[in-house]
C-alpha atoms as a PDB file:
ATOM      1  CA  MET A   1     -11.470  -8.615 -11.910  1.00  0.00           C
ATOM      2  CA  LYS A   2     -10.637  -9.616  -8.059  1.00  0.00           C
ATOM      3  CA  THR A   3     -12.902  -8.879  -5.246  1.00  0.00           C
ATOM      4  CA  MET A   4     -10.792  -7.234  -2.440  1.00  0.00           C
ATOM      5  CA  THR A   5     -12.240  -6.300   0.530  1.00  0.00           C
ATOM      6  CA  ASN A   6     -11.433  -2.403   1.445  1.00  0.00           C
ATOM      7  CA  SER A   7      -8.758  -3.280   4.362  1.00  0.00           C
ATOM      8  CA  GLU A   8      -7.179  -5.544   1.761  1.00  0.00           C
ATOM      9  CA  ILE A   9      -7.262  -2.440  -0.708  1.00  0.00           C
ATOM     10  CA  TYR A  10      -5.518   0.471   1.488  1.00  0.00           C
ATOM     11  CA  ASN A  11      -2.731  -2.179   2.802  1.00  0.00           C
ATOM     12  CA  ILE A  12      -1.895  -2.464  -0.691  1.00  0.00           C
ATOM     13  CA  ALA A  13      -2.100   0.103  -1.939  1.00  0.00           C
ATOM     14  CA  SER A  14       0.758   1.768   1.088  1.00  0.00           C
ATOM     15  CA  ILE A  15       3.046  -1.447   1.109  1.00  0.00           C
ATOM     16  CA  LEU A  16       2.978  -1.484  -3.061  1.00  0.00           C
ATOM     17  CA  GLY A  17       4.783   2.356  -3.498  1.00  0.00           C
ATOM     18  CA  LYS A  18       7.437   1.470  -0.576  1.00  0.00           C
ATOM     19  CA  ALA A  19       8.671  -2.055  -1.585  1.00  0.00           C
ATOM     20  CA  PHE A  20       9.475  -0.204  -4.596  1.00  0.00           C
ATOM     21  CA  GLU A  21      11.082   2.345  -3.771  1.00  0.00           C
ATOM     22  CA  ASP A  22      14.414   1.624  -4.981  1.00  0.00           C
ATOM     23  CA  GLU A  23      14.917   2.682  -8.551  1.00  0.00           C
ATOM     24  CA  LYS A  24      18.007   0.377  -9.019  1.00  0.00           C
ATOM     25  CA  GLN A  25      15.121  -2.426  -9.195  1.00  0.00           C
ATOM     26  CA  VAL A  26      14.306  -3.239 -12.358  1.00  0.00           C
ATOM     27  CA  LEU A  27      11.494  -5.005 -13.261  1.00  0.00           C
ATOM     28  CA  PRO A  28      10.702  -6.680 -16.622  1.00  0.00           C
ATOM     29  CA  VAL A  29       8.316  -4.215 -18.765  1.00  0.00           C
ATOM     30  CA  LYS A  30       5.116  -6.472 -18.660  1.00  0.00           C
ATOM     31  CA  VAL A  31       5.341  -6.724 -14.839  1.00  0.00           C
ATOM     32  CA  ASN A  32       6.621  -2.806 -13.947  1.00  0.00           C
ATOM     33  CA  PHE A  33       3.631  -1.844 -16.573  1.00  0.00           C
ATOM     34  CA  TYR A  34       1.381  -3.770 -15.144  1.00  0.00           C
ATOM     35  CA  MET A  35       2.098  -3.392 -11.342  1.00  0.00           C
ATOM     36  CA  GLN A  36       2.288   0.925 -11.777  1.00  0.00           C
ATOM     37  CA  LYS A  37      -1.705   0.487 -13.146  1.00  0.00           C
ATOM     38  CA  ASN A  38      -2.394  -1.599 -10.611  1.00  0.00           C
ATOM     39  CA  ARG A  39      -1.153   0.374  -7.566  1.00  0.00           C
ATOM     40  CA  ALA A  40      -2.688   3.665  -9.813  1.00  0.00           C
ATOM     41  CA  THR A  41      -6.250   1.441  -9.368  1.00  0.00           C
ATOM     42  CA  LEU A  42      -5.567   1.146  -5.848  1.00  0.00           C
ATOM     43  CA  VAL A  43      -4.281   4.368  -5.076  1.00  0.00           C
ATOM     44  CA  ALA A  44      -7.395   6.143  -6.248  1.00  0.00           C
ATOM     45  CA  LEU A  45     -10.021   2.956  -4.347  1.00  0.00           C
ATOM     46  CA  ALA A  46      -7.044   3.613  -0.970  1.00  0.00           C
ATOM     47  CA  GLN A  47      -8.088   7.851  -0.960  1.00  0.00           C
ATOM     48  CA  GLU A  48     -11.971   7.316  -1.071  1.00  0.00           C
ATOM     49  CA  ILE A  49     -11.301   5.085   1.563  1.00  0.00           C
ATOM     50  CA  GLU A  50      -9.511   7.232   3.582  1.00  0.00           C
ATOM     51  CA  LYS A  51     -11.948   9.755   2.564  1.00  0.00           C
ATOM     52  CA  ALA A  52     -14.693   7.837   3.960  1.00  0.00           C
ATOM     53  CA  ARG A  53     -12.636   7.221   7.615  1.00  0.00           C
ATOM     54  CA  VAL A  54     -12.311  10.622   8.049  1.00  0.00           C
ATOM     55  CA  GLU A  55     -16.373  11.203   7.570  1.00  0.00           C
ATOM     56  CA  ILE A  56     -16.619   8.706  10.214  1.00  0.00           C
ATOM     57  CA  LEU A  57     -14.232  10.112  12.511  1.00  0.00           C
ATOM     58  CA  GLN A  58     -15.734  13.633  12.014  1.00  0.00           C
ATOM     59  CA  LYS A  59     -19.091  12.549  12.686  1.00  0.00           C
ATOM     60  CA  HIS A  60     -18.291  11.294  15.984  1.00  0.00           C
ATOM     61  CA  GLY A  61     -15.212  13.167  17.286  1.00  0.00           C
ATOM     62  CA  THR A  62     -12.965  16.368  17.141  1.00  0.00           C
ATOM     63  CA  LEU A  63      -9.824  17.055  15.427  1.00  0.00           C
ATOM     64  CA  ASN A  64      -7.312  18.226  18.521  1.00  0.00           C
ATOM     65  CA  GLU A  65      -5.287  20.536  16.530  1.00  0.00           C
ATOM     66  CA  GLU A  66      -2.395  20.180  19.018  1.00  0.00           C
ATOM     67  CA  THR A  67      -1.812  16.188  18.277  1.00  0.00           C
ATOM     68  CA  ASN A  68      -3.826  16.394  14.878  1.00  0.00           C
ATOM     69  CA  GLN A  69      -5.800  13.302  16.644  1.00  0.00           C
ATOM     70  CA  PHE A  70      -9.734  12.992  17.174  1.00  0.00           C
ATOM     71  CA  GLU A  71     -10.860  12.718  20.095  1.00  0.00           C
ATOM     72  CA  PHE A  72     -13.931  10.693  21.228  1.00  0.00           C
ATOM     73  CA  SER A  73     -16.558  10.518  24.527  1.00  0.00           C
ATOM     74  CA  ASN A  74     -17.274   6.402  25.958  1.00  0.00           C
ATOM     75  CA  GLU A  75     -20.258   6.916  24.513  1.00  0.00           C
ATOM     76  CA  VAL A  76     -19.527   6.565  21.043  1.00  0.00           C
ATOM     77  CA  ALA A  77     -16.209   5.077  21.107  1.00  0.00           C
ATOM     78  CA  GLU A  78     -17.772   1.521  20.124  1.00  0.00           C
ATOM     79  CA  THR A  79     -19.829   2.443  17.524  1.00  0.00           C
ATOM     80  CA  VAL A  80     -16.750   4.332  15.897  1.00  0.00           C
ATOM     81  CA  ILE A  81     -14.692   1.098  15.790  1.00  0.00           C
ATOM     82  CA  GLN A  82     -17.518  -0.834  14.596  1.00  0.00           C
ATOM     83  CA  GLU A  83     -17.962   1.469  12.051  1.00  0.00           C
ATOM     84  CA  LEU A  84     -14.410   2.122  10.886  1.00  0.00           C
ATOM     85  CA  ASN A  85     -14.541  -2.476  10.868  1.00  0.00           C
ATOM     86  CA  ASP A  86     -17.374  -1.797   8.910  1.00  0.00           C
ATOM     87  CA  LEU A  87     -15.844  -0.053   6.305  1.00  0.00           C
ATOM     88  CA  LEU A  88     -12.759  -1.798   5.964  1.00  0.00           C
ATOM     89  CA  SER A  89     -14.497  -5.105   6.283  1.00  0.00           C
ATOM     90  CA  LEU A  90     -16.651  -3.931   2.578  1.00  0.00           C
ATOM     91  CA  GLU A  91     -15.756  -5.515  -0.475  1.00  0.00           C
ATOM     92  CA  GLN A  92     -15.528  -4.225  -4.159  1.00  0.00           C
ATOM     93  CA  GLU A  93     -14.682  -5.183  -7.732  1.00  0.00           C
ATOM     94  CA  VAL A  94     -11.054  -3.921  -8.534  1.00  0.00           C
ATOM     95  CA  ASN A  95     -10.002  -4.528 -11.959  1.00  0.00           C
ATOM     96  CA  ILE A  96      -6.396  -6.241 -11.525  1.00  0.00           C
ATOM     97  CA  TYR A  97      -3.774  -6.874 -14.075  1.00  0.00           C
ATOM     98  CA  THR A  98      -2.204 -10.131 -13.454  1.00  0.00           C
ATOM     99  CA  VAL A  99       0.984 -11.998 -14.488  1.00  0.00           C
ATOM    100  CA  SER A 100       2.387 -15.580 -14.779  1.00  0.00           C
ATOM    101  CA  ILE A 101       4.631 -16.468 -12.301  1.00  0.00           C
ATOM    102  CA  ASP A 102       6.933 -16.672 -15.367  1.00  0.00           C
ATOM    103  CA  SER A 103       6.930 -13.298 -16.217  1.00  0.00           C
ATOM    104  CA  PHE A 104       9.480 -12.435 -13.367  1.00  0.00           C
ATOM    105  CA  GLY A 105      11.895 -14.332 -15.665  1.00  0.00           C
ATOM    106  CA  ASP A 106      14.875 -16.584 -13.640  1.00  0.00           C
ATOM    107  CA  ASP A 107      17.593 -14.014 -12.385  1.00  0.00           C
ATOM    108  CA  LEU A 108      15.083 -11.637 -10.929  1.00  0.00           C
ATOM    109  CA  SER A 109      16.437 -11.127  -7.364  1.00  0.00           C
ATOM    110  CA  LEU A 110      13.353  -9.559  -5.238  1.00  0.00           C
ATOM    111  CA  THR A 111      13.557  -9.280  -1.333  1.00  0.00           C
ATOM    112  CA  THR A 112      10.674 -10.755   0.424  1.00  0.00           C
ATOM    113  CA  GLY A 113       8.874  -7.034   0.941  1.00  0.00           C
ATOM    114  CA  GLN A 114       8.800  -6.528  -3.139  1.00  0.00           C
ATOM    115  CA  MET A 115       7.592 -10.344  -3.339  1.00  0.00           C
ATOM    116  CA  GLU A 116       5.137  -9.960  -0.814  1.00  0.00           C
ATOM    117  CA  ALA A 117       3.827  -6.458  -2.565  1.00  0.00           C
ATOM    118  CA  LEU A 118       3.243  -8.169  -5.770  1.00  0.00           C
ATOM    119  CA  MET A 119       1.119 -11.494  -4.934  1.00  0.00           C
ATOM    120  CA  PHE A 120      -2.123  -9.607  -5.411  1.00  0.00           C
ATOM    121  CA  MET A 121      -1.428  -9.812  -9.173  1.00  0.00           C
ATOM    122  CA  ILE A 122       0.436 -13.354  -9.617  1.00  0.00           C
ATOM    123  CA  ASP A 123      -1.614 -16.139 -11.322  1.00  0.00           C
END
């Protein structure tokens, strides 16, 4: 188990999929398997966080149909920002599968973005 903030969960879920869109990149089986399991877990949690974020926005604002953005009065703007910050700073225990750096092998070439996306799961 790893303690992560909602902000970390949300960000990693976003970048993990994007970093490996190129299907030509072949990861070792163990790394790929654990990455997929971690990604599924983080995406599910990120969806819960997004639902809570939208609930905060709906509670305090109104959706502008033309811009698809929520609008708030000046009186509640600070409250909205504080509640969103509180949501993103909450910590959760997340079941993260980890691998050692040796699991990547000596001849694997990763971009900086790909390595950054995987850092959370490297022992």
